[in-house]
Amino acid sequence: MPLYLVVDIQAKEITCFSDPSPQGYRAHKRVSFGTLLPVPAPFSSEFDTTAFQPAG
């Protein structure tokens, strides 16, 4: 299944779009930096977004 990850540096968020259709992606999950992002099948895992947080 195709997945599309969008990293928004200004908003400090990452969005995972999944379940594509001819009309667009039917599902999405958005989290703030520092939060685990659930990634659906076939990966069925969590993406650690802490590396995107600014240092300091």
N, C-alpha and C. Protein backbone atom coordinates (compact mmCIF):
# COMPACT_ATOMS: atom_id res chain seq x y z
N MET A 1 0.84 -1.17 0.00
CA MET A 1 0.00 0.00 0.00
C MET A 1 0.89 1.24 0.00
N PRO A 2 0.64 2.18 -0.89
CA PRO A 2 1.41 3.42 -0.88
C PRO A 2 1.11 4.27 0.35
N LEU A 3 2.17 4.81 0.91
CA LEU A 3 2.07 5.75 2.02
C LEU A 3 2.76 7.04 1.61
N TYR A 4 2.30 8.15 2.15
CA TYR A 4 2.87 9.45 1.84
C TYR A 4 3.09 10.17 3.15
N LEU A 5 4.34 10.52 3.45
CA LEU A 5 4.66 11.24 4.68
C LEU A 5 4.96 12.69 4.35
N VAL A 6 4.35 13.60 5.10
CA VAL A 6 4.58 15.03 4.93
C VAL A 6 5.15 15.56 6.24
N VAL A 7 6.33 16.16 6.14
CA VAL A 7 6.98 16.77 7.31
C VAL A 7 6.78 18.28 7.19
N ASP A 8 6.09 18.85 8.15
CA ASP A 8 5.83 20.29 8.18
C ASP A 8 6.69 20.90 9.28
N ILE A 9 7.82 21.47 8.86
CA ILE A 9 8.78 22.03 9.81
C ILE A 9 8.19 23.21 10.57
N GLN A 10 7.44 24.06 9.89
CA GLN A 10 6.87 25.24 10.55
C GLN A 10 5.85 24.87 11.61
N ALA A 11 4.97 23.92 11.29
CA ALA A 11 3.94 23.50 12.25
C ALA A 11 4.47 22.47 13.25
N LYS A 12 5.69 21.94 13.00
CA LYS A 12 6.30 20.92 13.85
C LYS A 12 5.41 19.68 13.94
N GLU A 13 4.96 19.23 12.75
CA GLU A 13 4.06 18.07 12.65
C GLU A 13 4.50 17.17 11.49
N ILE A 14 4.14 15.91 11.61
CA ILE A 14 4.31 14.94 10.53
C ILE A 14 2.97 14.28 10.29
N THR A 15 2.60 14.17 9.00
CA THR A 15 1.33 13.54 8.63
C THR A 15 1.63 12.34 7.75
N CYS A 16 0.97 11.22 8.04
CA CYS A 16 1.07 10.01 7.22
C CYS A 16 -0.28 9.82 6.52
N PHE A 17 -0.25 9.89 5.20
CA PHE A 17 -1.44 9.65 4.39
C PHE A 17 -1.40 8.21 3.89
N SER A 18 -2.55 7.52 3.94
CA SER A 18 -2.62 6.13 3.49
C SER A 18 -3.97 5.86 2.85
N ASP A 19 -4.11 4.66 2.31
CA ASP A 19 -5.35 4.21 1.66
C ASP A 19 -5.72 5.13 0.49
N PRO A 20 -4.86 5.18 -0.54
CA PRO A 20 -5.13 6.05 -1.69
C PRO A 20 -6.33 5.58 -2.50
N SER A 21 -7.00 6.55 -3.12
CA SER A 21 -8.11 6.28 -4.03
C SER A 21 -8.01 7.28 -5.17
N PRO A 22 -8.78 7.13 -6.21
CA PRO A 22 -8.76 8.12 -7.30
C PRO A 22 -9.12 9.53 -6.84
N GLN A 23 -9.83 9.66 -5.73
CA GLN A 23 -10.23 10.97 -5.21
C GLN A 23 -9.23 11.53 -4.20
N GLY A 24 -8.20 10.77 -3.85
CA GLY A 24 -7.20 11.21 -2.88
C GLY A 24 -7.04 10.17 -1.78
N TYR A 25 -6.22 10.49 -0.81
CA TYR A 25 -6.00 9.57 0.31
C TYR A 25 -7.20 9.59 1.25
N ARG A 26 -7.65 8.38 1.63
CA ARG A 26 -8.84 8.26 2.48
C ARG A 26 -8.53 8.31 3.96
N ALA A 27 -7.27 8.11 4.33
CA ALA A 27 -6.92 8.10 5.75
C ALA A 27 -5.66 8.92 5.97
N HIS A 28 -5.60 9.55 7.12
CA HIS A 28 -4.38 10.25 7.51
C HIS A 28 -4.28 10.33 9.02
N LYS A 29 -3.04 10.43 9.48
CA LYS A 29 -2.77 10.58 10.90
C LYS A 29 -1.69 11.64 11.04
N ARG A 30 -1.94 12.64 11.87
CA ARG A 30 -1.00 13.75 12.08
C ARG A 30 -0.57 13.76 13.54
N VAL A 31 0.74 13.91 13.76
CA VAL A 31 1.27 14.01 15.12
C VAL A 31 2.28 15.14 15.20
N SER A 32 2.48 15.65 16.39
CA SER A 32 3.50 16.66 16.64
C SER A 32 4.85 15.99 16.76
N PHE A 33 5.92 16.74 16.45
CA PHE A 33 7.27 16.22 16.63
C PHE A 33 7.42 15.74 18.07
N GLY A 34 8.12 14.63 18.24
CA GLY A 34 8.32 14.06 19.57
C GLY A 34 7.31 12.99 19.92
N THR A 35 6.35 12.76 19.03
CA THR A 35 5.29 11.77 19.25
C THR A 35 5.49 10.59 18.30
N LEU A 36 5.11 9.40 18.72
CA LEU A 36 5.17 8.25 17.82
C LEU A 36 4.06 8.35 16.78
N LEU A 37 4.42 8.17 15.52
CA LEU A 37 3.45 8.22 14.42
C LEU A 37 3.10 6.80 14.00
N PRO A 38 1.85 6.37 14.19
CA PRO A 38 1.46 5.03 13.74
C PRO A 38 1.52 4.94 12.21
N VAL A 39 2.16 3.90 11.72
CA VAL A 39 2.25 3.65 10.28
C VAL A 39 1.47 2.37 10.00
N PRO A 40 0.46 2.43 9.11
CA PRO A 40 -0.40 1.27 8.88
C PRO A 40 0.30 0.15 8.10
N ALA A 41 -0.42 -0.96 7.93
CA ALA A 41 0.06 -2.11 7.16
C ALA A 41 0.42 -1.63 5.75
N PRO A 42 1.39 -2.19 5.13
CA PRO A 42 2.08 -3.43 5.50
C PRO A 42 3.20 -3.23 6.50
N PHE A 43 3.48 -2.00 6.93
CA PHE A 43 4.57 -1.77 7.87
C PHE A 43 4.14 -2.03 9.31
N SER A 44 2.93 -1.63 9.65
CA SER A 44 2.37 -1.86 10.99
C SER A 44 3.39 -1.58 12.08
N SER A 45 3.84 -0.34 12.13
CA SER A 45 4.83 0.03 13.12
C SER A 45 4.59 1.47 13.56
N GLU A 46 5.50 1.97 14.37
CA GLU A 46 5.42 3.36 14.80
C GLU A 46 6.72 4.05 14.42
N PHE A 47 6.61 5.26 13.91
CA PHE A 47 7.75 6.06 13.47
C PHE A 47 8.06 7.07 14.57
N ASP A 48 9.29 7.02 15.09
CA ASP A 48 9.70 7.91 16.16
C ASP A 48 10.06 9.27 15.57
N THR A 49 9.33 10.31 15.93
CA THR A 49 9.52 11.63 15.35
C THR A 49 10.39 12.55 16.22
N THR A 50 11.00 12.03 17.27
CA THR A 50 11.80 12.88 18.15
C THR A 50 12.99 13.48 17.44
N ALA A 51 13.52 12.83 16.42
CA ALA A 51 14.67 13.38 15.70
C ALA A 51 14.34 14.67 14.97
N PHE A 52 13.09 14.97 14.76
CA PHE A 52 12.68 16.18 14.08
C PHE A 52 12.56 17.38 15.02
N GLN A 53 12.64 17.13 16.32
CA GLN A 53 12.55 18.23 17.27
C GLN A 53 13.84 19.06 17.20
N PRO A 54 13.72 20.36 17.33
CA PRO A 54 14.93 21.20 17.31
C PRO A 54 15.84 20.90 18.50
N ALA A 55 17.13 20.97 18.27
CA ALA A 55 18.10 20.75 19.34
C ALA A 55 18.03 21.89 20.34
N GLY A 56 18.31 21.56 21.57
CA GLY A 56 18.38 22.63 22.57
C GLY A 56 17.41 22.46 23.60
